[in-house]
Amino acid sequence: MATMKSNNAAIAAMQQMLQERCIAEPTFAIKMANPSKSMEGAVNYLCVQIQKSGLCCIDDATVMNILVHYYPKYNIIPSYLTA
């Protein structure tokens, strides 16, 4: 369920960032393999978090931190699914 519009180039860049993280930190790959998580969910989570912050642009490191937070040890249910 996409609630925000994202372009394919941005999504591809985010996927690349996450893949590089998996290579650097193999335990992160286990978190990403969680069947209840998806790239679409990660993008939506990212958009919601940016919207909550009130910022209109963020740097790559912040994007990565938010995406990594979406794939935690414990499940986070994005607010757009509970609203």
C-alpha atoms as a PDB file:
ATOM      1  CA  MET A   1       0.000   0.000   0.000  1.00  0.00           C
ATOM      2  CA  ALA A   2       1.932   2.996  -1.256  1.00  0.00           C
ATOM      3  CA  THR A   3       0.879   6.232   0.368  1.00  0.00           C
ATOM      4  CA  MET A   4       3.598   8.446  -1.037  1.00  0.00           C
ATOM      5  CA  LYS A   5       4.933   8.776  -4.572  1.00  0.00           C
ATOM      6  CA  SER A   6       8.556   7.790  -5.083  1.00  0.00           C
ATOM      7  CA  ASN A   7      10.519   7.576  -8.271  1.00  0.00           C
ATOM      8  CA  ASN A   8      12.219   4.396  -9.377  1.00  0.00           C
ATOM      9  CA  ALA A   9      15.702   5.944  -9.321  1.00  0.00           C
ATOM     10  CA  ALA A  10      15.325   6.895  -5.658  1.00  0.00           C
ATOM     11  CA  ILE A  11      14.038   3.429  -4.761  1.00  0.00           C
ATOM     12  CA  ALA A  12      16.908   1.802  -6.678  1.00  0.00           C
ATOM     13  CA  ALA A  13      19.400   4.003  -4.797  1.00  0.00           C
ATOM     14  CA  MET A  14      17.846   3.003  -1.465  1.00  0.00           C
ATOM     15  CA  GLN A  15      17.972  -0.685  -2.427  1.00  0.00           C
ATOM     16  CA  GLN A  16      21.642  -0.279  -3.337  1.00  0.00           C
ATOM     17  CA  MET A  17      22.365   1.387   0.015  1.00  0.00           C
ATOM     18  CA  LEU A  18      20.649  -1.467   1.859  1.00  0.00           C
ATOM     19  CA  GLN A  19      22.490  -4.110  -0.192  1.00  0.00           C
ATOM     20  CA  GLU A  20      25.805  -2.454   0.627  1.00  0.00           C
ATOM     21  CA  ARG A  21      24.825  -2.492   4.301  1.00  0.00           C
ATOM     22  CA  CYS A  22      24.078  -6.230   4.044  1.00  0.00           C
ATOM     23  CA  ILE A  23      27.537  -6.844   2.603  1.00  0.00           C
ATOM     24  CA  ALA A  24      29.201  -4.768   5.313  1.00  0.00           C
ATOM     25  CA  GLU A  25      27.039  -6.203   8.098  1.00  0.00           C
ATOM     26  CA  PRO A  26      25.778  -9.731   7.284  1.00  0.00           C
ATOM     27  CA  THR A  27      23.500  -9.827  10.335  1.00  0.00           C
ATOM     28  CA  PHE A  28      21.538  -6.966   8.782  1.00  0.00           C
ATOM     29  CA  ALA A  29      20.691  -9.268   5.858  1.00  0.00           C
ATOM     30  CA  ILE A  30      18.859 -11.507   8.335  1.00  0.00           C
ATOM     31  CA  LYS A  31      16.758  -8.547   9.478  1.00  0.00           C
ATOM     32  CA  MET A  32      15.982  -7.639   5.862  1.00  0.00           C
ATOM     33  CA  ALA A  33      14.852 -11.202   5.172  1.00  0.00           C
ATOM     34  CA  ASN A  34      11.936 -10.721   7.586  1.00  0.00           C
ATOM     35  CA  PRO A  35       8.886 -11.682   5.476  1.00  0.00           C
ATOM     36  CA  SER A  36       6.735  -9.049   7.183  1.00  0.00           C
ATOM     37  CA  LYS A  37       9.007  -6.287   5.829  1.00  0.00           C
ATOM     38  CA  SER A  38       9.255  -5.057   2.236  1.00  0.00           C
ATOM     39  CA  MET A  39      10.992  -2.379   0.203  1.00  0.00           C
ATOM     40  CA  GLU A  40       7.636  -0.709  -0.375  1.00  0.00           C
ATOM     41  CA  GLY A  41       7.052  -0.714   3.373  1.00  0.00           C
ATOM     42  CA  ALA A  42      10.529   0.704   3.960  1.00  0.00           C
ATOM     43  CA  VAL A  43       9.926   3.531   1.474  1.00  0.00           C
ATOM     44  CA  ASN A  44       6.556   4.324   3.035  1.00  0.00           C
ATOM     45  CA  TYR A  45       8.109   4.248   6.522  1.00  0.00           C
ATOM     46  CA  LEU A  46      10.844   6.600   5.308  1.00  0.00           C
ATOM     47  CA  CYS A  47       8.305   9.022   3.806  1.00  0.00           C
ATOM     48  CA  VAL A  48       6.190   9.044   6.967  1.00  0.00           C
ATOM     49  CA  GLN A  49       9.237   9.701   9.165  1.00  0.00           C
ATOM     50  CA  ILE A  50      10.415  12.550   6.921  1.00  0.00           C
ATOM     51  CA  GLN A  51       6.918  14.011   6.882  1.00  0.00           C
ATOM     52  CA  LYS A  52       6.760  13.851  10.700  1.00  0.00           C
ATOM     53  CA  SER A  53      10.107  15.638  10.944  1.00  0.00           C
ATOM     54  CA  GLY A  54       8.857  18.588   8.906  1.00  0.00           C
ATOM     55  CA  LEU A  55      11.992  18.551   6.772  1.00  0.00           C
ATOM     56  CA  CYS A  56      11.810  18.861   3.014  1.00  0.00           C
ATOM     57  CA  CYS A  57      15.162  17.251   2.279  1.00  0.00           C
ATOM     58  CA  ILE A  58      17.570  14.991   4.132  1.00  0.00           C
ATOM     59  CA  ASP A  59      21.028  13.590   3.493  1.00  0.00           C
ATOM     60  CA  ASP A  60      21.971  10.024   2.561  1.00  0.00           C
ATOM     61  CA  ALA A  61      23.080   9.160   6.082  1.00  0.00           C
ATOM     62  CA  THR A  62      19.692  10.137   7.501  1.00  0.00           C
ATOM     63  CA  VAL A  63      17.901   8.117   4.813  1.00  0.00           C
ATOM     64  CA  MET A  64      20.035   5.114   5.703  1.00  0.00           C
ATOM     65  CA  ASN A  65      19.415   5.516   9.429  1.00  0.00           C
ATOM     66  CA  ILE A  66      15.653   5.622   8.892  1.00  0.00           C
ATOM     67  CA  LEU A  67      15.698   2.632   6.527  1.00  0.00           C
ATOM     68  CA  VAL A  68      17.833   0.604   8.945  1.00  0.00           C
ATOM     69  CA  HIS A  69      15.403   1.457  11.739  1.00  0.00           C
ATOM     70  CA  TYR A  70      12.585  -0.049   9.648  1.00  0.00           C
ATOM     71  CA  TYR A  71      14.367  -3.433   9.800  1.00  0.00           C
ATOM     72  CA  PRO A  72      14.914  -3.795  13.570  1.00  0.00           C
ATOM     73  CA  LYS A  73      15.266  -6.827  15.756  1.00  0.00           C
ATOM     74  CA  TYR A  74      11.622  -6.352  16.714  1.00  0.00           C
ATOM     75  CA  ASN A  75       8.759  -5.569  14.367  1.00  0.00           C
ATOM     76  CA  ILE A  76       7.656  -1.980  13.947  1.00  0.00           C
ATOM     77  CA  ILE A  77       4.208  -1.499  12.485  1.00  0.00           C
ATOM     78  CA  PRO A  78       4.274   1.689  10.416  1.00  0.00           C
ATOM     79  CA  SER A  79       1.765   4.294  11.579  1.00  0.00           C
ATOM     80  CA  TYR A  80       0.114   4.460   8.160  1.00  0.00           C
ATOM     81  CA  LEU A  81      -1.037   0.860   8.692  1.00  0.00           C
ATOM     82  CA  THR A  82      -2.530   1.555  12.101  1.00  0.00           C
ATOM     83  CA  ALA A  83      -4.263   4.844  11.263  1.00  0.00           C
END
